[in-house]
């Protein structure tokens, strides 16, 4: 049986991946295991899987507030 995977991006959308050690600011998710970090300077090597590629998560003023409840 073949599993169908649908992408949430359209062909003309571009997803930027950031490398460990690169300067960044904001919330990021590891491209390998989805571990989340908030950085203010340089992106680390992922502490969970040693991944070196990060994707910046979209900013929302309500994202953290909804987790608090």
PDB file of N, CA and C in Angstrom:
ATOM      1  N   UNK A   1       0.839  -1.178   0.000  1.00  0.00           N
ATOM      2  CA  UNK A   1       0.000   0.000   0.000  1.00  0.00           C
ATOM      3  C   UNK A   1       0.882   1.238   0.000  1.00  0.00           C
ATOM      4  N   UNK A   2       0.581   2.205  -0.838  1.00  0.00           N
ATOM      5  CA  UNK A   2       1.342   3.435  -0.932  1.00  0.00           C
ATOM      6  C   UNK A   2       0.669   4.514  -0.098  1.00  0.00           C
ATOM      7  N   UNK A   3       1.449   5.165   0.743  1.00  0.00           N
ATOM      8  CA  UNK A   3       0.925   6.234   1.589  1.00  0.00           C
ATOM      9  C   UNK A   3       1.063   7.554   0.840  1.00  0.00           C
ATOM     10  N   UNK A   4       0.003   8.323   0.810  1.00  0.00           N
ATOM     11  CA  UNK A   4       0.022   9.610   0.133  1.00  0.00           C
ATOM     12  C   UNK A   4       0.367  10.707   1.136  1.00  0.00           C
ATOM     13  N   UNK A   5       1.342  11.526   0.782  1.00  0.00           N
ATOM     14  CA  UNK A   5       1.755  12.638   1.630  1.00  0.00           C
ATOM     15  C   UNK A   5       1.473  13.924   0.876  1.00  0.00           C
ATOM     16  N   UNK A   6       0.705  14.817   1.497  1.00  0.00           N
ATOM     17  CA  UNK A   6       0.379  16.085   0.856  1.00  0.00           C
ATOM     18  C   UNK A   6       1.248  17.191   1.421  1.00  0.00           C
ATOM     19  N   UNK A   7       1.742  18.020   0.534  1.00  0.00           N
ATOM     20  CA  UNK A   7       2.580  19.142   0.935  1.00  0.00           C
ATOM     21  C   UNK A   7       1.712  20.345   1.246  1.00  0.00           C
ATOM     22  N   UNK A   8       2.120  21.143   2.229  1.00  0.00           N
ATOM     23  CA  UNK A   8       1.389  22.365   2.563  1.00  0.00           C
ATOM     24  C   UNK A   8       1.938  23.565   1.803  1.00  0.00           C
ATOM     25  N   UNK A   9       2.970  23.354   0.988  1.00  0.00           N
ATOM     26  CA  UNK A   9       3.529  24.440   0.200  1.00  0.00           C
ATOM     27  C   UNK A   9       3.133  24.265  -1.261  1.00  0.00           C
ATOM     28  N   UNK A  10       3.029  25.374  -1.954  1.00  0.00           N
ATOM     29  CA  UNK A  10       2.757  25.321  -3.381  1.00  0.00           C
ATOM     30  C   UNK A  10       4.083  25.351  -4.126  1.00  0.00           C
ATOM     31  N   UNK A  11       4.086  24.966  -5.405  1.00  0.00           N
ATOM     32  CA  UNK A  11       5.356  24.907  -6.145  1.00  0.00           C
ATOM     33  C   UNK A  11       6.140  26.221  -6.166  1.00  0.00           C
ATOM     34  N   UNK A  12       5.460  27.361  -6.067  1.00  0.00           N
ATOM     35  CA  UNK A  12       6.172  28.641  -6.122  1.00  0.00           C
ATOM     36  C   UNK A  12       6.599  29.151  -4.739  1.00  0.00           C
ATOM     37  N   UNK A  13       6.304  28.403  -3.665  1.00  0.00           N
ATOM     38  CA  UNK A  13       6.747  28.800  -2.333  1.00  0.00           C
ATOM     39  C   UNK A  13       8.168  28.302  -2.096  1.00  0.00           C
ATOM     40  N   UNK A  14       8.924  29.061  -1.321  1.00  0.00           N
ATOM     41  CA  UNK A  14      10.310  28.715  -1.017  1.00  0.00           C
ATOM     42  C   UNK A  14      10.458  28.585   0.485  1.00  0.00           C
ATOM     43  N   UNK A  15      11.014  27.482   0.937  1.00  0.00           N
ATOM     44  CA  UNK A  15      11.269  27.273   2.358  1.00  0.00           C
ATOM     45  C   UNK A  15      12.770  27.406   2.562  1.00  0.00           C
ATOM     46  N   UNK A  16      13.165  28.356   3.378  1.00  0.00           N
ATOM     47  CA  UNK A  16      14.586  28.571   3.653  1.00  0.00           C
ATOM     48  C   UNK A  16      15.011  27.732   4.841  1.00  0.00           C
ATOM     49  N   UNK A  17      16.088  27.016   4.668  1.00  0.00           N
ATOM     50  CA  UNK A  17      16.678  26.268   5.769  1.00  0.00           C
ATOM     51  C   UNK A  17      17.918  27.012   6.232  1.00  0.00           C
ATOM     52  N   UNK A  18      18.108  27.078   7.533  1.00  0.00           N
ATOM     53  CA  UNK A  18      19.216  27.776   8.156  1.00  0.00           C
ATOM     54  C   UNK A  18      20.197  26.739   8.690  1.00  0.00           C
ATOM     55  N   UNK A  19      21.470  27.014   8.591  1.00  0.00           N
ATOM     56  CA  UNK A  19      22.507  26.079   9.053  1.00  0.00           C
ATOM     57  C   UNK A  19      22.916  26.379  10.490  1.00  0.00           C
ATOM     58  N   UNK A  20      23.298  25.336  11.218  1.00  0.00           N
ATOM     59  CA  UNK A  20      23.835  25.511  12.567  1.00  0.00           C
ATOM     60  C   UNK A  20      25.036  26.442  12.481  1.00  0.00           C
ATOM     61  N   UNK A  21      25.125  27.381  13.422  1.00  0.00           N
ATOM     62  CA  UNK A  21      26.203  28.359  13.431  1.00  0.00           C
ATOM     63  C   UNK A  21      25.837  29.658  12.734  1.00  0.00           C
ATOM     64  N   UNK A  22      24.786  29.623  11.927  1.00  0.00           N
ATOM     65  CA  UNK A  22      24.340  30.823  11.219  1.00  0.00           C
ATOM     66  C   UNK A  22      23.626  31.759  12.192  1.00  0.00           C
ATOM     67  N   UNK A  23      23.807  33.074  12.013  1.00  0.00           N
ATOM     68  CA  UNK A  23      23.141  34.047  12.872  1.00  0.00           C
ATOM     69  C   UNK A  23      21.642  34.012  12.614  1.00  0.00           C
ATOM     70  N   UNK A  24      20.866  33.972  13.686  1.00  0.00           N
ATOM     71  CA  UNK A  24      19.415  33.949  13.555  1.00  0.00           C
ATOM     72  C   UNK A  24      18.761  34.508  14.801  1.00  0.00           C
ATOM     73  N   UNK A  25      17.509  34.908  14.662  1.00  0.00           N
ATOM     74  CA  UNK A  25      16.760  35.432  15.797  1.00  0.00           C
ATOM     75  C   UNK A  25      15.310  35.004  15.630  1.00  0.00           C
ATOM     76  N   UNK A  26      14.772  34.337  16.651  1.00  0.00           N
ATOM     77  CA  UNK A  26      13.380  33.906  16.597  1.00  0.00           C
ATOM     78  C   UNK A  26      13.226  32.437  16.939  1.00  0.00           C
ATOM     79  N   UNK A  27      12.097  31.874  16.526  1.00  0.00           N
ATOM     80  CA  UNK A  27      11.790  30.473  16.798  1.00  0.00           C
ATOM     81  C   UNK A  27      12.122  29.624  15.580  1.00  0.00           C
ATOM     82  N   UNK A  28      12.775  28.496  15.826  1.00  0.00           N
ATOM     83  CA  UNK A  28      13.188  27.594  14.755  1.00  0.00           C
ATOM     84  C   UNK A  28      12.850  26.159  15.139  1.00  0.00           C
ATOM     85  N   UNK A  29      12.679  25.298  14.138  1.00  0.00           N
ATOM     86  CA  UNK A  29      12.458  23.859  14.327  1.00  0.00           C
ATOM     87  C   UNK A  29      13.534  23.114  13.564  1.00  0.00           C
ATOM     88  N   UNK A  30      14.063  22.067  14.187  1.00  0.00           N
ATOM     89  CA  UNK A  30      15.059  21.224  13.548  1.00  0.00           C
ATOM     90  C   UNK A  30      14.416  20.547  12.332  1.00  0.00           C
ATOM     91  N   UNK A  31      15.100  20.577  11.192  1.00  0.00           N
ATOM     92  CA  UNK A  31      14.577  19.949   9.979  1.00  0.00           C
ATOM     93  C   UNK A  31      14.588  18.430  10.084  1.00  0.00           C
ATOM     94  N   UNK A  32      15.367  17.873  10.997  1.00  0.00           N
ATOM     95  CA  UNK A  32      15.464  16.418  11.150  1.00  0.00           C
ATOM     96  C   UNK A  32      14.406  15.859  12.107  1.00  0.00           C
ATOM     97  N   UNK A  33      14.262  16.467  13.301  1.00  0.00           N
ATOM     98  CA  UNK A  33      13.393  15.882  14.334  1.00  0.00           C
ATOM     99  C   UNK A  33      12.292  16.818  14.833  1.00  0.00           C
ATOM    100  N   UNK A  34      12.251  18.047  14.337  1.00  0.00           N
ATOM    101  CA  UNK A  34      11.243  19.058  14.706  1.00  0.00           C
ATOM    102  C   UNK A  34      11.412  19.634  16.106  1.00  0.00           C
ATOM    103  N   UNK A  35      12.564  19.412  16.748  1.00  0.00           N
ATOM    104  CA  UNK A  35      12.841  20.011  18.059  1.00  0.00           C
ATOM    105  C   UNK A  35      12.824  21.527  17.899  1.00  0.00           C
ATOM    106  N   UNK A  36      12.188  22.230  18.817  1.00  0.00           N
ATOM    107  CA  UNK A  36      12.072  23.677  18.724  1.00  0.00           C
ATOM    108  C   UNK A  36      13.046  24.416  19.617  1.00  0.00           C
ATOM    109  N   UNK A  37      13.593  25.514  19.101  1.00  0.00           N
ATOM    110  CA  UNK A  37      14.467  26.385  19.879  1.00  0.00           C
ATOM    111  C   UNK A  37      14.102  27.841  19.603  1.00  0.00           C
ATOM    112  N   UNK A  38      14.416  28.696  20.551  1.00  0.00           N
ATOM    113  CA  UNK A  38      14.319  30.135  20.367  1.00  0.00           C
ATOM    114  C   UNK A  38      15.741  30.667  20.493  1.00  0.00           C
ATOM    115  N   UNK A  39      16.198  31.366  19.463  1.00  0.00           N
ATOM    116  CA  UNK A  39      17.579  31.864  19.471  1.00  0.00           C
ATOM    117  C   UNK A  39      17.607  33.374  19.316  1.00  0.00           C
ATOM    118  N   UNK A  40      18.695  33.952  19.803  1.00  0.00           N
ATOM    119  CA  UNK A  40      18.902  35.395  19.699  1.00  0.00           C
ATOM    120  C   UNK A  40      20.224  35.716  19.027  1.00  0.00           C
ATOM    121  N   UNK A  41      21.041  34.711  18.786  1.00  0.00           N
ATOM    122  CA  UNK A  41      22.349  34.924  18.155  1.00  0.00           C
ATOM    123  C   UNK A  41      22.571  33.887  17.068  1.00  0.00           C
ATOM    124  N   UNK A  42      23.232  32.790  17.402  1.00  0.00           N
ATOM    125  CA  UNK A  42      23.552  31.766  16.402  1.00  0.00           C
ATOM    126  C   UNK A  42      22.760  30.486  16.657  1.00  0.00           C
ATOM    127  N   UNK A  43      22.377  29.820  15.577  1.00  0.00           N
ATOM    128  CA  UNK A  43      21.671  28.549  15.694  1.00  0.00           C
ATOM    129  C   UNK A  43      22.618  27.448  16.157  1.00  0.00           C
ATOM    130  N   UNK A  44      22.174  26.624  17.092  1.00  0.00           N
ATOM    131  CA  UNK A  44      23.030  25.553  17.606  1.00  0.00           C
ATOM    132  C   UNK A  44      22.912  24.291  16.751  1.00  0.00           C
ATOM    133  N   UNK A  45      23.726  23.321  17.055  1.00  0.00           N
ATOM    134  CA  UNK A  45      23.501  21.968  16.565  1.00  0.00           C
ATOM    135  C   UNK A  45      22.336  21.444  17.410  1.00  0.00           C
ATOM    136  N   UNK A  46      21.397  20.732  16.815  1.00  0.00           N
ATOM    137  CA  UNK A  46      20.227  20.257  17.549  1.00  0.00           C
ATOM    138  C   UNK A  46      20.652  19.385  18.729  1.00  0.00           C
ATOM    139  N   UNK A  47      20.208  19.720  19.934  1.00  0.00           N
ATOM    140  CA  UNK A  47      20.594  18.937  21.111  1.00  0.00           C
ATOM    141  C   UNK A  47      19.907  17.562  21.174  1.00  0.00           C
ATOM    142  N   UNK A  48      18.875  17.347  20.373  1.00  0.00           N
ATOM    143  CA  UNK A  48      18.161  16.065  20.394  1.00  0.00           C
ATOM    144  C   UNK A  48      18.724  15.058  19.389  1.00  0.00           C
ATOM    145  N   UNK A  49      19.030  15.521  18.167  1.00  0.00           N
ATOM    146  CA  UNK A  49      19.424  14.567  17.119  1.00  0.00           C
ATOM    147  C   UNK A  49      20.741  14.920  16.433  1.00  0.00           C
ATOM    148  N   UNK A  50      21.383  16.009  16.854  1.00  0.00           N
ATOM    149  CA  UNK A  50      22.626  16.515  16.250  1.00  0.00           C
ATOM    150  C   UNK A  50      22.428  17.030  14.833  1.00  0.00           C
ATOM    151  N   UNK A  51      21.177  17.336  14.465  1.00  0.00           N
ATOM    152  CA  UNK A  51      20.887  17.915  13.152  1.00  0.00           C
ATOM    153  C   UNK A  51      21.505  19.301  13.029  1.00  0.00           C
ATOM    154  N   UNK A  52      21.808  19.689  11.810  1.00  0.00           N
ATOM    155  CA  UNK A  52      22.443  20.976  11.575  1.00  0.00           C
ATOM    156  C   UNK A  52      21.635  21.888  10.659  1.00  0.00           C
ATOM    157  N   UNK A  53      20.381  21.535  10.409  1.00  0.00           N
ATOM    158  CA  UNK A  53      19.536  22.310   9.518  1.00  0.00           C
ATOM    159  C   UNK A  53      18.263  22.718  10.256  1.00  0.00           C
ATOM    160  N   UNK A  54      17.907  23.995  10.153  1.00  0.00           N
ATOM    161  CA  UNK A  54      16.773  24.555  10.885  1.00  0.00           C
ATOM    162  C   UNK A  54      15.818  25.258   9.934  1.00  0.00           C
ATOM    163  N   UNK A  55      14.534  25.244  10.292  1.00  0.00           N
ATOM    164  CA  UNK A  55      13.515  25.972   9.552  1.00  0.00           C
ATOM    165  C   UNK A  55      12.869  26.965  10.514  1.00  0.00           C
ATOM    166  N   UNK A  56      12.773  28.228  10.098  1.00  0.00           N
ATOM    167  CA  UNK A  56      12.179  29.239  10.978  1.00  0.00           C
ATOM    168  C   UNK A  56      10.669  29.056  11.003  1.00  0.00           C
ATOM    169  N   UNK A  57      10.087  29.088  12.195  1.00  0.00           N
ATOM    170  CA  UNK A  57       8.639  28.934  12.331  1.00  0.00           C
ATOM    171  C   UNK A  57       7.987  30.300  12.192  1.00  0.00           C
ATOM    172  N   UNK A  58       6.788  30.333  11.636  1.00  0.00           N
ATOM    173  CA  UNK A  58       6.109  31.620  11.482  1.00  0.00           C
ATOM    174  C   UNK A  58       5.786  32.240  12.836  1.00  0.00           C
ATOM    175  N   UNK A  59       5.906  33.537  12.929  1.00  0.00           N
ATOM    176  CA  UNK A  59       5.647  34.246  14.175  1.00  0.00           C
ATOM    177  C   UNK A  59       4.160  34.526  14.295  1.00  0.00           C
ATOM    178  N   UNK A  60       3.635  34.367  15.497  1.00  0.00           N
ATOM    179  CA  UNK A  60       2.244  34.697  15.784  1.00  0.00           C
ATOM    180  C   UNK A  60       2.161  35.237  17.206  1.00  0.00           C
ATOM    181  N   UNK A  61       1.456  36.344  17.404  1.00  0.00           N
ATOM    182  CA  UNK A  61       1.358  36.890  18.764  1.00  0.00           C
ATOM    183  C   UNK A  61       0.528  36.006  19.692  1.00  0.00           C
ATOM    184  N   UNK A  62      -0.244  35.070  19.134  1.00  0.00           N
ATOM    185  CA  UNK A  62      -1.125  34.233  19.938  1.00  0.00           C
ATOM    186  C   UNK A  62      -0.585  32.824  20.166  1.00  0.00           C
ATOM    187  N   UNK A  63       0.483  32.448  19.489  1.00  0.00           N
ATOM    188  CA  UNK A  63       0.988  31.091  19.574  1.00  0.00           C
ATOM    189  C   UNK A  63       1.395  30.730  20.996  1.00  0.00           C
ATOM    190  N   UNK A  64       2.175  31.543  21.662  1.00  0.00           N
ATOM    191  CA  UNK A  64       2.622  31.236  23.024  1.00  0.00           C
ATOM    192  C   UNK A  64       1.479  31.391  24.026  1.00  0.00           C
ATOM    193  N   UNK A  65       0.585  32.325  23.832  1.00  0.00           N
ATOM    194  CA  UNK A  65      -0.526  32.537  24.750  1.00  0.00           C
ATOM    195  C   UNK A  65      -1.446  31.322  24.771  1.00  0.00           C
ATOM    196  N   UNK A  66      -1.657  30.678  23.633  1.00  0.00           N
ATOM    197  CA  UNK A  66      -2.563  29.527  23.595  1.00  0.00           C
ATOM    198  C   UNK A  66      -1.938  28.318  24.278  1.00  0.00           C
ATOM    199  N   UNK A  67      -0.613  28.218  24.352  1.00  0.00           N
ATOM    200  CA  UNK A  67       0.043  27.106  25.040  1.00  0.00           C
ATOM    201  C   UNK A  67      -0.037  27.250  26.548  1.00  0.00           C
ATOM    202  N   UNK A  68      -0.230  28.445  27.052  1.00  0.00           N
ATOM    203  CA  UNK A  68      -0.232  28.693  28.494  1.00  0.00           C
ATOM    204  C   UNK A  68      -1.485  28.162  29.182  1.00  0.00           C
ATOM    205  N   UNK A  69      -2.546  27.922  28.433  1.00  0.00           N
ATOM    206  CA  UNK A  69      -3.816  27.474  29.031  1.00  0.00           C
ATOM    207  C   UNK A  69      -3.999  26.003  28.926  1.00  0.00           C
TER     208      UNK A  69
END
